[in-house]
N, C-alpha and C. Protein backbone atom coordinates (compact mmCIF):
# COMPACT_ATOMS: atom_id res chain seq x y z
N UNK A 1 202.68 71.05 244.77
CA UNK A 1 201.27 71.35 244.89
C UNK A 1 200.64 71.57 243.52
N UNK A 2 201.41 72.08 242.59
CA UNK A 2 200.85 72.29 241.26
C UNK A 2 200.45 70.96 240.62
N UNK A 3 201.22 69.93 240.90
CA UNK A 3 200.87 68.60 240.40
C UNK A 3 199.54 68.13 240.98
N UNK A 4 199.28 68.48 242.24
CA UNK A 4 198.00 68.12 242.86
C UNK A 4 196.85 68.84 242.17
N UNK A 5 197.08 70.08 241.81
CA UNK A 5 196.02 70.86 241.15
C UNK A 5 195.69 70.30 239.76
N UNK A 6 196.73 69.95 239.03
CA UNK A 6 196.50 69.47 237.66
C UNK A 6 196.02 68.03 237.62
N UNK A 7 196.40 67.23 238.62
CA UNK A 7 195.97 65.84 238.67
C UNK A 7 195.64 65.47 240.11
N UNK A 8 194.39 65.68 240.54
CA UNK A 8 194.04 65.42 241.94
C UNK A 8 193.77 63.94 242.25
N UNK A 9 194.12 63.07 241.34
CA UNK A 9 193.86 61.63 241.55
C UNK A 9 195.13 60.89 241.96
N UNK A 10 194.93 59.79 242.66
CA UNK A 10 196.00 58.84 242.98
C UNK A 10 197.07 59.38 243.93
N UNK A 11 196.68 60.23 244.87
CA UNK A 11 197.61 60.71 245.89
C UNK A 11 197.50 59.85 247.13
N UNK A 12 198.59 59.73 247.85
CA UNK A 12 198.62 58.93 249.07
C UNK A 12 198.68 59.84 250.29
N UNK A 13 198.16 59.33 251.39
CA UNK A 13 198.14 60.10 252.64
C UNK A 13 199.56 60.49 253.06
N UNK A 14 200.52 59.63 252.83
CA UNK A 14 201.90 59.91 253.21
C UNK A 14 202.42 61.16 252.51
N UNK A 15 202.04 61.34 251.27
CA UNK A 15 202.45 62.53 250.52
C UNK A 15 201.80 63.78 251.10
N UNK A 16 200.53 63.68 251.44
CA UNK A 16 199.85 64.83 252.04
C UNK A 16 200.51 65.21 253.36
N UNK A 17 200.92 64.23 254.14
CA UNK A 17 201.58 64.52 255.42
C UNK A 17 202.89 65.27 255.19
N UNK A 18 203.66 64.87 254.20
CA UNK A 18 204.94 65.53 253.90
C UNK A 18 204.69 66.98 253.47
N UNK A 19 203.75 67.19 252.59
CA UNK A 19 203.43 68.55 252.12
C UNK A 19 202.93 69.40 253.28
N UNK A 20 202.07 68.82 254.10
CA UNK A 20 201.52 69.56 255.24
C UNK A 20 202.63 70.03 256.18
N UNK A 21 203.51 69.14 256.53
CA UNK A 21 204.59 69.51 257.47
C UNK A 21 205.52 70.56 256.86
N UNK A 22 205.73 70.48 255.57
CA UNK A 22 206.60 71.46 254.90
C UNK A 22 206.06 72.88 255.05
N UNK A 23 204.73 73.01 255.10
CA UNK A 23 204.11 74.32 255.16
C UNK A 23 203.50 74.65 256.53
N UNK A 24 203.88 73.91 257.54
CA UNK A 24 203.45 74.24 258.89
C UNK A 24 202.02 73.83 259.22
N UNK A 25 201.45 72.96 258.41
CA UNK A 25 200.10 72.46 258.67
C UNK A 25 200.21 71.31 259.66
N UNK A 26 199.41 71.39 260.70
CA UNK A 26 199.42 70.34 261.71
C UNK A 26 198.61 69.15 261.22
N UNK A 27 199.11 67.96 261.53
CA UNK A 27 198.43 66.72 261.15
C UNK A 27 198.07 65.99 262.44
N UNK A 28 196.78 65.72 262.59
CA UNK A 28 196.32 64.99 263.77
C UNK A 28 195.60 63.73 263.33
N UNK A 29 196.02 62.63 263.91
CA UNK A 29 195.35 61.36 263.64
C UNK A 29 194.25 61.20 264.68
N UNK A 30 193.07 60.87 264.23
CA UNK A 30 191.92 60.86 265.13
C UNK A 30 191.87 59.62 266.01
N UNK A 31 192.74 58.67 265.78
CA UNK A 31 192.69 57.42 266.52
C UNK A 31 191.90 56.38 265.75
N UNK A 32 191.20 56.84 264.76
CA UNK A 32 190.45 55.95 263.89
C UNK A 32 191.11 55.94 262.53
N UNK A 33 190.30 56.05 261.50
CA UNK A 33 190.84 55.97 260.15
C UNK A 33 190.86 57.33 259.45
N UNK A 34 190.88 58.42 260.22
CA UNK A 34 190.88 59.75 259.63
C UNK A 34 192.07 60.58 260.10
N UNK A 35 192.46 61.51 259.25
CA UNK A 35 193.50 62.48 259.57
C UNK A 35 192.87 63.86 259.49
N UNK A 36 193.27 64.76 260.38
CA UNK A 36 192.77 66.13 260.37
C UNK A 36 193.96 67.05 260.13
N UNK A 37 193.82 67.91 259.12
CA UNK A 37 194.86 68.87 258.77
C UNK A 37 194.38 70.26 259.19
N UNK A 38 195.22 70.97 259.96
CA UNK A 38 194.87 72.29 260.48
C UNK A 38 196.09 73.19 260.45
N UNK A 39 195.84 74.49 260.42
CA UNK A 39 196.92 75.48 260.49
C UNK A 39 196.47 76.58 261.44
N UNK A 40 197.37 77.07 262.29
CA UNK A 40 196.98 78.10 263.26
C UNK A 40 196.44 79.39 262.64
N UNK A 41 196.82 79.69 261.39
CA UNK A 41 196.37 80.91 260.73
C UNK A 41 195.08 80.74 259.93
N UNK A 42 194.45 79.58 260.05
CA UNK A 42 193.24 79.32 259.28
C UNK A 42 192.15 78.72 260.17
N UNK A 43 190.93 79.06 259.84
CA UNK A 43 189.80 78.47 260.55
C UNK A 43 189.38 77.15 259.92
N UNK A 44 189.95 76.83 258.78
CA UNK A 44 189.62 75.58 258.10
C UNK A 44 190.29 74.40 258.79
N UNK A 45 189.58 73.31 258.84
CA UNK A 45 190.14 72.03 259.27
C UNK A 45 189.65 71.00 258.26
N UNK A 46 190.58 70.27 257.69
CA UNK A 46 190.24 69.31 256.65
C UNK A 46 190.39 67.91 257.22
N UNK A 47 189.29 67.17 257.21
CA UNK A 47 189.30 65.79 257.69
C UNK A 47 189.29 64.87 256.48
N UNK A 48 190.27 63.97 256.43
CA UNK A 48 190.41 63.08 255.29
C UNK A 48 190.49 61.64 255.79
N UNK A 49 189.65 60.77 255.25
CA UNK A 49 189.73 59.36 255.63
C UNK A 49 190.98 58.73 255.02
N UNK A 50 191.58 57.80 255.76
CA UNK A 50 192.78 57.13 255.28
C UNK A 50 192.37 56.00 254.35
N UNK A 51 192.36 56.30 253.08
CA UNK A 51 192.09 55.30 252.05
C UNK A 51 193.06 55.56 250.92
N UNK A 52 193.36 54.50 250.20
CA UNK A 52 194.26 54.67 249.07
C UNK A 52 193.50 54.44 247.80
N UNK A 53 193.62 55.29 246.83
CA UNK A 53 194.20 56.63 246.91
C UNK A 53 193.22 57.61 247.55
N UNK A 54 193.72 58.78 247.91
CA UNK A 54 192.86 59.83 248.48
C UNK A 54 191.99 60.37 247.35
N UNK A 55 190.70 60.51 247.60
CA UNK A 55 189.78 60.98 246.57
C UNK A 55 190.04 62.44 246.21
N UNK A 56 189.80 62.79 244.94
CA UNK A 56 190.06 64.16 244.48
C UNK A 56 189.35 65.24 245.29
N UNK A 57 188.17 64.97 245.80
CA UNK A 57 187.45 65.97 246.60
C UNK A 57 188.25 66.36 247.84
N UNK A 58 188.95 65.42 248.44
CA UNK A 58 189.77 65.71 249.62
C UNK A 58 191.04 66.45 249.24
N UNK A 59 191.58 66.16 248.06
CA UNK A 59 192.75 66.90 247.59
C UNK A 59 192.36 68.37 247.40
N UNK A 60 191.18 68.61 246.84
CA UNK A 60 190.70 69.99 246.65
C UNK A 60 190.56 70.71 247.99
N UNK A 61 190.05 70.03 249.00
CA UNK A 61 189.91 70.63 250.33
C UNK A 61 191.28 70.92 250.94
N UNK A 62 192.21 70.00 250.78
CA UNK A 62 193.56 70.17 251.29
C UNK A 62 194.23 71.39 250.63
N UNK A 63 194.07 71.52 249.32
CA UNK A 63 194.63 72.66 248.61
C UNK A 63 193.97 73.97 249.03
N UNK A 64 192.67 73.92 249.34
CA UNK A 64 191.97 75.11 249.83
C UNK A 64 192.55 75.57 251.16
N UNK A 65 192.90 74.62 252.02
CA UNK A 65 193.54 74.96 253.30
C UNK A 65 194.89 75.64 253.03
N UNK A 66 195.68 75.08 252.13
CA UNK A 66 196.98 75.69 251.82
C UNK A 66 196.81 77.08 251.20
N UNK A 67 195.81 77.24 250.35
CA UNK A 67 195.53 78.56 249.78
C UNK A 67 195.13 79.55 250.87
N UNK A 68 194.35 79.08 251.83
CA UNK A 68 193.87 79.95 252.91
C UNK A 68 195.01 80.49 253.78
N UNK A 69 196.06 79.70 253.94
CA UNK A 69 197.19 80.17 254.75
C UNK A 69 198.26 80.85 253.90
N UNK A 70 198.01 80.92 252.59
CA UNK A 70 198.89 81.69 251.72
C UNK A 70 200.14 80.99 251.26
N UNK A 71 200.17 79.69 251.25
CA UNK A 71 201.38 78.99 250.81
C UNK A 71 201.24 78.43 249.41
N UNK A 72 200.05 78.46 248.87
CA UNK A 72 199.85 77.88 247.54
C UNK A 72 199.93 78.93 246.45
């Protein structure tokens, strides 16, 4: 996660899924081109479009979710 903070560019959705599962974040595919990341201990839900690479603004939101649940 520290690498994401220092360089929020050029991340792939597959990497976000791995990190999410490691920390108990649920990943839901909307059936379209978006993924939703949620955690039972947080009111935040982060919706990220599936594009390569993932834009830095979405990495920041993803990290905010991890910070909110206390794993970052």
